[in-house]
Amino acid sequence: MKFKIPLPLQQEHEALHERLRLATQAGGEVGEAARTLAQLMHPHFIKEDQFALPPLGLLAALTRGEWNAEMAEVLTLTDQLEAELPQMLAEHQGIVAALKTLRDAAARTGHSDIVAFAEALTEHARVEEEVMYPAAVLVGQVVRQRMSLRVPAAA
């Protein structure tokens, strides 16, 4: 079964990617700070797209009580997220530090749009840590629970 990242999250990530791309084109220390940030974020975004955010595509169905055996395939993703979560949170620390550098450089040089972007991306990281990642892990827990309730009794 293919698990899709909910469209609003996809759109938000696309918008963040575009704003970061634009920031990398700024000159001087702002552009340099944005390029450093992009190098940190690229592998992190790949992980999110591969296994951290796709389980969220099941949230609506699970809350409606829907179930099918193919949903169990999400456990591969949620298990990987749980295993890699400490590393992903550590990556967030590096990303947030790079965002502070970008924000400070943008503030010094009058790039208020990039200051706003850095602040928005910092908040986005907090939302991932406090809402999205835990929700994805919870999807796996709910799926596991529903699987255990549907195991046929031994003959």
C-alpha atoms as a PDB file:
ATOM      1  CA  MET A   1       0.000   0.000   0.000  1.00  0.00           C
ATOM      2  CA  LYS A   2       1.264   3.464  -0.857  1.00  0.00           C
ATOM      3  CA  PHE A   3       1.053   5.974   1.966  1.00  0.00           C
ATOM      4  CA  LYS A   4       0.773   9.588   0.916  1.00  0.00           C
ATOM      5  CA  ILE A   5       1.779  12.617   2.894  1.00  0.00           C
ATOM      6  CA  PRO A   6      -1.379  14.697   3.454  1.00  0.00           C
ATOM      7  CA  LEU A   7      -1.639  17.386   0.786  1.00  0.00           C
ATOM      8  CA  PRO A   8      -1.464  20.372   3.193  1.00  0.00           C
ATOM      9  CA  LEU A   9       1.846  19.051   4.547  1.00  0.00           C
ATOM     10  CA  GLN A  10       3.158  18.448   1.019  1.00  0.00           C
ATOM     11  CA  GLN A  11       2.235  21.983   0.044  1.00  0.00           C
ATOM     12  CA  GLU A  12       3.831  23.425   3.168  1.00  0.00           C
ATOM     13  CA  HIS A  13       7.080  21.555   2.493  1.00  0.00           C
ATOM     14  CA  GLU A  14       7.083  22.677  -1.134  1.00  0.00           C
ATOM     15  CA  ALA A  15       6.614  26.289  -0.051  1.00  0.00           C
ATOM     16  CA  LEU A  16       9.447  25.982   2.476  1.00  0.00           C
ATOM     17  CA  HIS A  17      11.709  24.465  -0.187  1.00  0.00           C
ATOM     18  CA  GLU A  18      10.946  27.348  -2.526  1.00  0.00           C
ATOM     19  CA  ARG A  19      11.551  30.005   0.115  1.00  0.00           C
ATOM     20  CA  LEU A  20      14.847  28.344   1.010  1.00  0.00           C
ATOM     21  CA  ARG A  21      15.832  28.184  -2.666  1.00  0.00           C
ATOM     22  CA  LEU A  22      15.166  31.897  -2.984  1.00  0.00           C
ATOM     23  CA  ALA A  23      17.158  32.635   0.177  1.00  0.00           C
ATOM     24  CA  THR A  24      20.160  30.746  -1.229  1.00  0.00           C
ATOM     25  CA  GLN A  25      20.198  33.227  -4.092  1.00  0.00           C
ATOM     26  CA  ALA A  26      20.703  36.175  -1.753  1.00  0.00           C
ATOM     27  CA  GLY A  27      24.187  37.555  -1.785  1.00  0.00           C
ATOM     28  CA  GLY A  28      26.806  37.690   0.919  1.00  0.00           C
ATOM     29  CA  GLU A  29      26.421  36.189   4.353  1.00  0.00           C
ATOM     30  CA  VAL A  30      22.667  35.668   3.932  1.00  0.00           C
ATOM     31  CA  GLY A  31      23.085  33.532   0.824  1.00  0.00           C
ATOM     32  CA  GLU A  32      25.955  31.648   2.423  1.00  0.00           C
ATOM     33  CA  ALA A  33      23.921  30.969   5.578  1.00  0.00           C
ATOM     34  CA  ALA A  34      20.967  29.819   3.456  1.00  0.00           C
ATOM     35  CA  ARG A  35      23.185  27.453   1.451  1.00  0.00           C
ATOM     36  CA  THR A  36      24.573  25.982   4.671  1.00  0.00           C
ATOM     37  CA  LEU A  37      21.010  25.515   5.917  1.00  0.00           C
ATOM     38  CA  ALA A  38      19.986  23.867   2.639  1.00  0.00           C
ATOM     39  CA  GLN A  39      22.845  21.370   2.941  1.00  0.00           C
ATOM     40  CA  LEU A  40      21.629  20.413   6.416  1.00  0.00           C
ATOM     41  CA  MET A  41      17.981  20.270   5.445  1.00  0.00           C
ATOM     42  CA  HIS A  42      18.162  18.277   2.223  1.00  0.00           C
ATOM     43  CA  PRO A  43      18.921  14.863   3.767  1.00  0.00           C
ATOM     44  CA  HIS A  44      16.474  15.598   6.573  1.00  0.00           C
ATOM     45  CA  PHE A  45      13.655  16.413   4.142  1.00  0.00           C
ATOM     46  CA  ILE A  46      14.363  13.158   2.303  1.00  0.00           C
ATOM     47  CA  LYS A  47      13.901  11.183   5.529  1.00  0.00           C
ATOM     48  CA  GLU A  48      10.675  13.009   6.254  1.00  0.00           C
ATOM     49  CA  ASP A  49       9.350  12.271   2.778  1.00  0.00           C
ATOM     50  CA  GLN A  50      10.434   8.623   2.927  1.00  0.00           C
ATOM     51  CA  PHE A  51       9.196   7.505   6.335  1.00  0.00           C
ATOM     52  CA  ALA A  52       8.303  10.253   8.822  1.00  0.00           C
ATOM     53  CA  LEU A  53       5.345  11.950   7.137  1.00  0.00           C
ATOM     54  CA  PRO A  54       3.663   9.304   4.914  1.00  0.00           C
ATOM     55  CA  PRO A  55       2.102   7.502   7.929  1.00  0.00           C
ATOM     56  CA  LEU A  56       0.103  10.678   8.563  1.00  0.00           C
ATOM     57  CA  GLY A  57      -1.854   9.835   5.428  1.00  0.00           C
ATOM     58  CA  LEU A  58      -3.661   7.174   7.475  1.00  0.00           C
ATOM     59  CA  LEU A  59      -4.780   9.524  10.262  1.00  0.00           C
ATOM     60  CA  ALA A  60      -8.174  10.397   8.815  1.00  0.00           C
ATOM     61  CA  ALA A  61      -9.020   6.789   7.929  1.00  0.00           C
ATOM     62  CA  LEU A  62      -7.946   5.493  11.333  1.00  0.00           C
ATOM     63  CA  THR A  63      -9.969   8.131  13.176  1.00  0.00           C
ATOM     64  CA  ARG A  64     -13.029   7.085  11.152  1.00  0.00           C
ATOM     65  CA  GLY A  65     -12.476   3.505  12.324  1.00  0.00           C
ATOM     66  CA  GLU A  66     -11.515   2.279   8.870  1.00  0.00           C
ATOM     67  CA  TRP A  67      -9.221  -0.713   8.651  1.00  0.00           C
ATOM     68  CA  ASN A  68      -7.754  -3.057   6.088  1.00  0.00           C
ATOM     69  CA  ALA A  69      -4.849  -5.474   6.327  1.00  0.00           C
ATOM     70  CA  GLU A  70      -2.725  -3.430   3.911  1.00  0.00           C
ATOM     71  CA  MET A  71      -2.521  -0.683   6.517  1.00  0.00           C
ATOM     72  CA  ALA A  72      -0.128  -2.926   8.443  1.00  0.00           C
ATOM     73  CA  GLU A  73       2.511  -2.069   5.847  1.00  0.00           C
ATOM     74  CA  VAL A  74       2.812   1.346   7.509  1.00  0.00           C
ATOM     75  CA  LEU A  75       4.631  -0.344  10.394  1.00  0.00           C
ATOM     76  CA  THR A  76       7.794  -0.490   8.296  1.00  0.00           C
ATOM     77  CA  LEU A  77       7.711   3.315   8.153  1.00  0.00           C
ATOM     78  CA  THR A  78       6.708   3.951  11.743  1.00  0.00           C
ATOM     79  CA  ASP A  79       9.286   1.478  13.056  1.00  0.00           C
ATOM     80  CA  GLN A  80      11.952   3.261  11.029  1.00  0.00           C
ATOM     81  CA  LEU A  81      10.768   6.622  12.346  1.00  0.00           C
ATOM     82  CA  GLU A  82      10.942   5.393  15.927  1.00  0.00           C
ATOM     83  CA  ALA A  83      14.439   4.015  15.350  1.00  0.00           C
ATOM     84  CA  GLU A  84      15.694   7.195  13.675  1.00  0.00           C
ATOM     85  CA  LEU A  85      13.776   9.722  15.771  1.00  0.00           C
ATOM     86  CA  PRO A  86      16.703  10.567  18.084  1.00  0.00           C
ATOM     87  CA  GLN A  87      18.875  11.301  15.026  1.00  0.00           C
ATOM     88  CA  MET A  88      16.122  13.341  13.380  1.00  0.00           C
ATOM     89  CA  LEU A  89      15.686  15.417  16.528  1.00  0.00           C
ATOM     90  CA  ALA A  90      19.448  15.962  16.650  1.00  0.00           C
ATOM     91  CA  GLU A  91      19.294  17.086  13.016  1.00  0.00           C
ATOM     92  CA  HIS A  92      16.593  19.560  14.019  1.00  0.00           C
ATOM     93  CA  GLN A  93      18.969  21.048  16.581  1.00  0.00           C
ATOM     94  CA  GLY A  94      21.544  21.648  13.849  1.00  0.00           C
ATOM     95  CA  ILE A  95      18.897  23.019  11.508  1.00  0.00           C
ATOM     96  CA  VAL A  96      17.538  25.389  14.168  1.00  0.00           C
ATOM     97  CA  ALA A  97      21.075  26.618  14.906  1.00  0.00           C
ATOM     98  CA  ALA A  98      21.597  27.242  11.170  1.00  0.00           C
ATOM     99  CA  LEU A  99      18.234  29.021  11.055  1.00  0.00           C
ATOM    100  CA  LYS A 100      19.344  31.324  13.861  1.00  0.00           C
ATOM    101  CA  THR A 101      22.498  32.131  11.882  1.00  0.00           C
ATOM    102  CA  LEU A 102      20.381  32.826   8.792  1.00  0.00           C
ATOM    103  CA  ARG A 103      17.884  34.896  10.744  1.00  0.00           C
ATOM    104  CA  ASP A 104      20.601  37.001  12.358  1.00  0.00           C
ATOM    105  CA  ALA A 105      22.364  37.578   9.031  1.00  0.00           C
ATOM    106  CA  ALA A 106      19.083  38.495   7.353  1.00  0.00           C
ATOM    107  CA  ALA A 107      18.177  40.895  10.176  1.00  0.00           C
ATOM    108  CA  ARG A 108      21.566  42.622   9.957  1.00  0.00           C
ATOM    109  CA  THR A 109      21.208  43.108   6.208  1.00  0.00           C
ATOM    110  CA  GLY A 110      17.562  44.135   6.115  1.00  0.00           C
ATOM    111  CA  HIS A 111      16.117  40.972   4.521  1.00  0.00           C
ATOM    112  CA  SER A 112      12.874  40.969   6.501  1.00  0.00           C
ATOM    113  CA  ASP A 113      11.360  38.328   4.197  1.00  0.00           C
ATOM    114  CA  ILE A 114      14.192  35.927   5.032  1.00  0.00           C
ATOM    115  CA  VAL A 115      13.894  36.753   8.740  1.00  0.00           C
ATOM    116  CA  ALA A 116      10.203  35.800   8.512  1.00  0.00           C
ATOM    117  CA  PHE A 117      11.089  32.607   6.622  1.00  0.00           C
ATOM    118  CA  ALA A 118      13.676  31.586   9.237  1.00  0.00           C
ATOM    119  CA  GLU A 119      11.168  32.173  12.014  1.00  0.00           C
ATOM    120  CA  ALA A 120       8.455  30.214  10.172  1.00  0.00           C
ATOM    121  CA  LEU A 121      10.797  27.295   9.520  1.00  0.00           C
ATOM    122  CA  THR A 122      11.892  27.267  13.160  1.00  0.00           C
ATOM    123  CA  GLU A 123       8.237  27.042  14.172  1.00  0.00           C
ATOM    124  CA  HIS A 124       7.685  24.316  11.554  1.00  0.00           C
ATOM    125  CA  ALA A 125      10.462  22.261  13.172  1.00  0.00           C
ATOM    126  CA  ARG A 126       8.722  22.600  16.543  1.00  0.00           C
ATOM    127  CA  VAL A 127       5.424  21.457  15.033  1.00  0.00           C
ATOM    128  CA  GLU A 128       7.140  18.416  13.556  1.00  0.00           C
ATOM    129  CA  GLU A 129       8.749  17.537  16.879  1.00  0.00           C
ATOM    130  CA  GLU A 130       5.667  18.110  19.013  1.00  0.00           C
ATOM    131  CA  VAL A 131       2.850  17.088  16.649  1.00  0.00           C
ATOM    132  CA  MET A 132       3.750  15.408  13.372  1.00  0.00           C
ATOM    133  CA  TYR A 133       6.405  12.920  14.484  1.00  0.00           C
ATOM    134  CA  PRO A 134       4.425  11.827  17.560  1.00  0.00           C
ATOM    135  CA  ALA A 135       1.277  11.514  15.419  1.00  0.00           C
ATOM    136  CA  ALA A 136       3.127   9.325  12.919  1.00  0.00           C
ATOM    137  CA  VAL A 137       4.392   7.101  15.744  1.00  0.00           C
ATOM    138  CA  LEU A 138       0.846   6.946  17.112  1.00  0.00           C
ATOM    139  CA  VAL A 139      -0.403   5.767  13.702  1.00  0.00           C
ATOM    140  CA  GLY A 140       1.919   2.780  14.041  1.00  0.00           C
ATOM    141  CA  GLN A 141       0.709   2.090  17.569  1.00  0.00           C
ATOM    142  CA  VAL A 142      -2.942   2.225  16.496  1.00  0.00           C
ATOM    143  CA  VAL A 143      -2.293  -0.047  13.524  1.00  0.00           C
ATOM    144  CA  ARG A 144      -0.486  -2.544  15.777  1.00  0.00           C
ATOM    145  CA  GLN A 145      -3.371  -2.458  18.224  1.00  0.00           C
ATOM    146  CA  ARG A 146      -5.945  -3.024  15.510  1.00  0.00           C
ATOM    147  CA  MET A 147      -3.882  -5.887  14.094  1.00  0.00           C
ATOM    148  CA  SER A 148      -3.823  -7.600  17.490  1.00  0.00           C
ATOM    149  CA  LEU A 149      -7.588  -7.266  17.763  1.00  0.00           C
ATOM    150  CA  ARG A 150      -8.115  -8.926  14.385  1.00  0.00           C
ATOM    151  CA  VAL A 151      -5.841 -11.943  14.773  1.00  0.00           C
ATOM    152  CA  PRO A 152      -7.998 -15.052  14.319  1.00  0.00           C
ATOM    153  CA  ALA A 153      -8.103 -17.436  17.270  1.00  0.00           C
ATOM    154  CA  ALA A 154      -6.058 -20.627  16.946  1.00  0.00           C
ATOM    155  CA  ALA A 155      -8.079 -23.723  16.129  1.00  0.00           C
END
